[in-house]
Amino acid sequence: MATASDASEALLFPGVAVWLGAMVPKRWAKRAVTRNTIKRQIYTLGSELSASLEPRAHVVRLRSGFDRAQFPSATSDALKAAVRSELQLLFARARPPVVVSTKP
């Protein structure tokens, strides 16, 4: 029997697919160009790794800022590399565990 939550999920996310959302608040990234750069990194890496993610909605939210003294340019290669390395760790945690059967 289908529940009300099943029906609402069917309306929000039709089909079986990986859905990816990004939240980058002004509190942690003051400049719009920085927020957009971070979002682009999220969507790019998410699309590269979508085959290894479970088919569901995934939301990536920036929870702390990047130091402007360390990354003075909003689109610097250093900032992109730092964001990408953190995202790779995050997406690695989001992948389903690999179950190895010990049965012959």
N, C-alpha and C. Protein backbone atom coordinates (compact mmCIF):
# COMPACT_ATOMS: atom_id res chain seq x y z
N MET A 1 0.84 -1.18 0.00
CA MET A 1 0.00 0.00 0.00
C MET A 1 0.89 1.24 0.00
N ALA A 2 0.63 2.17 -0.87
CA ALA A 2 1.42 3.40 -0.97
C ALA A 2 1.01 4.37 0.13
N THR A 3 2.01 5.02 0.69
CA THR A 3 1.74 6.01 1.73
C THR A 3 1.77 7.41 1.13
N ALA A 4 1.38 8.39 1.94
CA ALA A 4 1.37 9.78 1.47
C ALA A 4 2.78 10.24 1.14
N SER A 5 3.78 9.80 1.91
CA SER A 5 5.15 10.23 1.63
C SER A 5 5.66 9.64 0.32
N ASP A 6 5.22 8.41 0.00
CA ASP A 6 5.59 7.82 -1.30
C ASP A 6 5.04 8.65 -2.45
N ALA A 7 3.83 9.11 -2.30
CA ALA A 7 3.21 9.91 -3.34
C ALA A 7 3.92 11.25 -3.50
N SER A 8 4.28 11.89 -2.38
CA SER A 8 4.96 13.19 -2.49
C SER A 8 6.36 13.03 -3.06
N GLU A 9 7.06 11.95 -2.73
CA GLU A 9 8.38 11.71 -3.31
C GLU A 9 8.27 11.46 -4.81
N ALA A 10 7.22 10.77 -5.23
CA ALA A 10 7.04 10.50 -6.65
C ALA A 10 6.84 11.80 -7.42
N LEU A 11 6.18 12.78 -6.81
CA LEU A 11 5.96 14.05 -7.47
C LEU A 11 7.24 14.89 -7.52
N LEU A 12 8.02 14.85 -6.44
CA LEU A 12 9.24 15.65 -6.38
C LEU A 12 10.35 15.10 -7.27
N PHE A 13 10.55 13.81 -7.25
CA PHE A 13 11.66 13.18 -7.96
C PHE A 13 11.14 12.04 -8.83
N PRO A 14 10.61 12.37 -10.01
CA PRO A 14 10.07 11.31 -10.87
C PRO A 14 11.20 10.43 -11.42
N GLY A 15 10.93 9.16 -11.48
CA GLY A 15 11.92 8.22 -12.02
C GLY A 15 13.02 7.91 -11.03
N VAL A 16 13.82 6.93 -11.37
CA VAL A 16 14.94 6.53 -10.54
C VAL A 16 16.19 7.19 -11.12
N ALA A 17 16.73 8.15 -10.38
CA ALA A 17 17.90 8.87 -10.87
C ALA A 17 18.63 9.51 -9.70
N VAL A 18 19.82 9.98 -9.97
CA VAL A 18 20.58 10.73 -8.98
C VAL A 18 20.24 12.21 -9.18
N TRP A 19 19.73 12.84 -8.12
CA TRP A 19 19.40 14.26 -8.14
C TRP A 19 20.41 14.95 -7.24
N LEU A 20 20.94 16.08 -7.69
CA LEU A 20 21.97 16.78 -6.94
C LEU A 20 21.59 18.24 -6.77
N GLY A 21 21.67 18.71 -5.53
CA GLY A 21 21.40 20.11 -5.23
C GLY A 21 22.59 20.71 -4.50
N ALA A 22 22.76 22.02 -4.60
CA ALA A 22 23.88 22.71 -3.96
C ALA A 22 23.37 23.94 -3.22
N MET A 23 23.81 24.09 -1.98
CA MET A 23 23.47 25.25 -1.17
C MET A 23 24.78 25.90 -0.71
N VAL A 24 25.01 27.11 -1.15
CA VAL A 24 26.23 27.84 -0.77
C VAL A 24 25.77 29.21 -0.25
N PRO A 25 25.58 29.34 1.07
CA PRO A 25 25.05 30.59 1.62
C PRO A 25 26.06 31.73 1.62
N LYS A 26 25.54 32.94 1.57
CA LYS A 26 26.39 34.14 1.62
C LYS A 26 27.20 34.21 2.90
N ARG A 27 26.71 33.61 3.93
CA ARG A 27 27.41 33.64 5.22
C ARG A 27 28.82 33.07 5.09
N TRP A 28 28.99 32.03 4.27
CA TRP A 28 30.28 31.36 4.16
C TRP A 28 31.04 31.73 2.89
N ALA A 29 30.39 32.26 1.91
CA ALA A 29 31.06 32.70 0.68
C ALA A 29 30.45 34.04 0.29
N LYS A 30 31.09 35.12 0.67
CA LYS A 30 30.52 36.46 0.52
C LYS A 30 30.33 36.88 -0.94
N ARG A 31 31.29 36.54 -1.78
CA ARG A 31 31.23 37.00 -3.16
C ARG A 31 30.45 36.01 -4.03
N ALA A 32 29.62 36.55 -4.91
CA ALA A 32 28.80 35.70 -5.79
C ALA A 32 29.67 34.84 -6.69
N VAL A 33 30.79 35.38 -7.13
CA VAL A 33 31.67 34.61 -8.02
C VAL A 33 32.24 33.40 -7.28
N THR A 34 32.50 33.54 -5.98
CA THR A 34 32.98 32.41 -5.18
C THR A 34 31.89 31.37 -5.03
N ARG A 35 30.68 31.81 -4.72
CA ARG A 35 29.55 30.87 -4.57
C ARG A 35 29.31 30.12 -5.87
N ASN A 36 29.35 30.83 -6.99
CA ASN A 36 29.13 30.18 -8.29
C ASN A 36 30.24 29.20 -8.63
N THR A 37 31.48 29.54 -8.28
CA THR A 37 32.61 28.64 -8.52
C THR A 37 32.44 27.36 -7.72
N ILE A 38 32.05 27.50 -6.46
CA ILE A 38 31.85 26.33 -5.60
C ILE A 38 30.70 25.47 -6.13
N LYS A 39 29.61 26.10 -6.54
CA LYS A 39 28.47 25.35 -7.09
C LYS A 39 28.86 24.61 -8.37
N ARG A 40 29.65 25.26 -9.23
CA ARG A 40 30.10 24.60 -10.45
C ARG A 40 30.93 23.36 -10.12
N GLN A 41 31.79 23.47 -9.10
CA GLN A 41 32.60 22.33 -8.68
C GLN A 41 31.70 21.20 -8.18
N ILE A 42 30.67 21.55 -7.41
CA ILE A 42 29.74 20.54 -6.89
C ILE A 42 29.05 19.81 -8.04
N TYR A 43 28.50 20.57 -8.98
CA TYR A 43 27.76 19.95 -10.08
C TYR A 43 28.68 19.17 -11.03
N THR A 44 29.88 19.67 -11.27
CA THR A 44 30.81 18.98 -12.16
C THR A 44 31.23 17.65 -11.56
N LEU A 45 31.68 17.67 -10.32
CA LEU A 45 32.11 16.42 -9.68
C LEU A 45 30.93 15.49 -9.47
N GLY A 46 29.78 16.04 -9.13
CA GLY A 46 28.58 15.21 -8.97
C GLY A 46 28.20 14.48 -10.24
N SER A 47 28.30 15.16 -11.37
CA SER A 47 27.96 14.49 -12.64
C SER A 47 29.01 13.43 -13.00
N GLU A 48 30.28 13.68 -12.66
CA GLU A 48 31.32 12.69 -12.92
C GLU A 48 31.13 11.43 -12.08
N LEU A 49 30.65 11.61 -10.85
CA LEU A 49 30.51 10.48 -9.92
C LEU A 49 29.09 9.96 -9.80
N SER A 50 28.18 10.45 -10.61
CA SER A 50 26.77 10.06 -10.46
C SER A 50 26.53 8.56 -10.64
N ALA A 51 27.35 7.92 -11.43
CA ALA A 51 27.17 6.47 -11.64
C ALA A 51 27.45 5.69 -10.37
N SER A 52 28.27 6.22 -9.48
CA SER A 52 28.62 5.49 -8.26
C SER A 52 27.74 5.89 -7.06
N LEU A 53 26.84 6.86 -7.25
CA LEU A 53 25.96 7.29 -6.17
C LEU A 53 24.63 6.55 -6.23
N GLU A 54 24.00 6.43 -5.07
CA GLU A 54 22.68 5.79 -5.03
C GLU A 54 21.66 6.69 -5.73
N PRO A 55 20.69 6.10 -6.41
CA PRO A 55 19.67 6.91 -7.08
C PRO A 55 18.70 7.53 -6.07
N ARG A 56 18.98 8.73 -5.67
CA ARG A 56 18.16 9.49 -4.73
C ARG A 56 18.58 10.95 -4.81
N ALA A 57 17.95 11.78 -4.02
CA ALA A 57 18.30 13.21 -3.99
C ALA A 57 19.46 13.41 -3.02
N HIS A 58 20.49 14.09 -3.47
CA HIS A 58 21.66 14.42 -2.65
C HIS A 58 21.77 15.95 -2.60
N VAL A 59 21.97 16.50 -1.42
CA VAL A 59 22.13 17.94 -1.26
C VAL A 59 23.48 18.19 -0.63
N VAL A 60 24.26 19.06 -1.25
CA VAL A 60 25.56 19.46 -0.72
C VAL A 60 25.41 20.88 -0.20
N ARG A 61 25.75 21.07 1.08
CA ARG A 61 25.61 22.39 1.71
C ARG A 61 26.94 22.82 2.28
N LEU A 62 27.37 24.02 1.96
CA LEU A 62 28.60 24.56 2.52
C LEU A 62 28.34 24.92 3.97
N ARG A 63 29.14 24.34 4.88
CA ARG A 63 28.92 24.54 6.31
C ARG A 63 29.98 25.39 6.97
N SER A 64 31.03 25.72 6.26
CA SER A 64 32.05 26.62 6.80
C SER A 64 32.69 27.35 5.63
N GLY A 65 33.30 28.48 5.95
CA GLY A 65 33.85 29.32 4.90
C GLY A 65 35.27 28.95 4.49
N PHE A 66 35.66 29.51 3.37
CA PHE A 66 37.04 29.42 2.91
C PHE A 66 37.69 30.75 3.22
N ASP A 67 38.86 30.72 3.83
CA ASP A 67 39.55 31.92 4.27
C ASP A 67 39.95 32.79 3.08
N ARG A 68 39.50 34.04 3.07
CA ARG A 68 39.82 34.95 1.97
C ARG A 68 41.31 35.28 1.93
N ALA A 69 41.97 35.21 3.08
CA ALA A 69 43.41 35.47 3.09
C ALA A 69 44.16 34.34 2.37
N GLN A 70 43.68 33.13 2.53
CA GLN A 70 44.32 31.98 1.89
C GLN A 70 43.95 31.90 0.41
N PHE A 71 42.72 32.31 0.07
CA PHE A 71 42.24 32.25 -1.32
C PHE A 71 41.78 33.65 -1.74
N PRO A 72 42.71 34.57 -2.04
CA PRO A 72 42.30 35.94 -2.36
C PRO A 72 41.50 36.05 -3.65
N SER A 73 41.77 35.18 -4.61
CA SER A 73 41.01 35.20 -5.86
C SER A 73 39.83 34.25 -5.74
N ALA A 74 38.67 34.73 -6.13
CA ALA A 74 37.46 33.93 -6.01
C ALA A 74 37.44 32.74 -6.94
N THR A 75 38.22 32.79 -7.99
CA THR A 75 38.24 31.69 -8.95
C THR A 75 39.64 31.10 -9.11
N SER A 76 40.44 31.18 -8.06
CA SER A 76 41.82 30.69 -8.16
C SER A 76 41.85 29.17 -8.27
N ASP A 77 42.92 28.68 -8.87
CA ASP A 77 43.10 27.24 -8.99
C ASP A 77 43.24 26.59 -7.61
N ALA A 78 43.83 27.33 -6.66
CA ALA A 78 43.98 26.79 -5.30
C ALA A 78 42.62 26.58 -4.64
N LEU A 79 41.71 27.54 -4.81
CA LEU A 79 40.37 27.39 -4.25
C LEU A 79 39.64 26.23 -4.90
N LYS A 80 39.72 26.13 -6.21
CA LYS A 80 39.07 25.03 -6.92
C LYS A 80 39.61 23.68 -6.47
N ALA A 81 40.92 23.59 -6.27
CA ALA A 81 41.52 22.33 -5.82
C ALA A 81 41.08 21.99 -4.40
N ALA A 82 41.01 23.00 -3.53
CA ALA A 82 40.58 22.76 -2.15
C ALA A 82 39.12 22.30 -2.11
N VAL A 83 38.27 22.95 -2.88
CA VAL A 83 36.86 22.57 -2.93
C VAL A 83 36.72 21.16 -3.49
N ARG A 84 37.44 20.89 -4.58
CA ARG A 84 37.35 19.57 -5.22
C ARG A 84 37.79 18.45 -4.28
N SER A 85 38.87 18.67 -3.52
CA SER A 85 39.35 17.61 -2.62
C SER A 85 38.34 17.35 -1.51
N GLU A 86 37.72 18.41 -0.97
CA GLU A 86 36.70 18.20 0.06
C GLU A 86 35.47 17.50 -0.51
N LEU A 87 35.09 17.87 -1.73
CA LEU A 87 33.94 17.22 -2.35
C LEU A 87 34.20 15.75 -2.63
N GLN A 88 35.41 15.41 -3.03
CA GLN A 88 35.74 14.01 -3.29
C GLN A 88 35.59 13.18 -2.02
N LEU A 89 36.02 13.74 -0.88
CA LEU A 89 35.85 13.04 0.39
C LEU A 89 34.36 12.89 0.74
N LEU A 90 33.61 13.94 0.50
CA LEU A 90 32.18 13.92 0.80
C LEU A 90 31.45 12.91 -0.06
N PHE A 91 31.71 12.92 -1.36
CA PHE A 91 31.05 11.98 -2.26
C PHE A 91 31.48 10.54 -1.98
N ALA A 92 32.71 10.34 -1.52
CA ALA A 92 33.16 8.99 -1.15
C ALA A 92 32.33 8.46 0.01
N ARG A 93 31.97 9.33 0.94
CA ARG A 93 31.12 8.92 2.06
C ARG A 93 29.69 8.65 1.63
N ALA A 94 29.25 9.28 0.53
CA ALA A 94 27.87 9.12 0.07
C ALA A 94 27.67 7.87 -0.76
N ARG A 95 28.76 7.26 -1.21
CA ARG A 95 28.62 6.05 -2.03
C ARG A 95 28.13 4.90 -1.17
N PRO A 96 27.35 4.01 -1.76
CA PRO A 96 26.87 2.86 -0.99
C PRO A 96 28.05 1.93 -0.67
N PRO A 97 28.01 1.29 0.49
CA PRO A 97 29.10 0.37 0.83
C PRO A 97 29.10 -0.85 -0.08
N VAL A 98 30.28 -1.35 -0.35
CA VAL A 98 30.42 -2.53 -1.18
C VAL A 98 30.32 -3.75 -0.27
N VAL A 99 29.36 -4.61 -0.56
CA VAL A 99 29.15 -5.82 0.24
C VAL A 99 29.81 -6.97 -0.46
N VAL A 100 30.72 -7.61 0.24
CA VAL A 100 31.43 -8.76 -0.32
C VAL A 100 30.85 -10.01 0.29
N SER A 101 30.37 -10.89 -0.54
CA SER A 101 29.80 -12.14 -0.05
C SER A 101 30.90 -13.16 0.20
N THR A 102 30.81 -13.87 1.32
CA THR A 102 31.80 -14.89 1.63
C THR A 102 31.31 -16.27 1.26
N LYS A 103 30.09 -16.35 0.74
CA LYS A 103 29.55 -17.64 0.34
C LYS A 103 30.17 -18.08 -0.98
N PRO A 104 30.45 -19.37 -1.12
CA PRO A 104 31.05 -19.86 -2.37
C PRO A 104 30.08 -19.90 -3.51
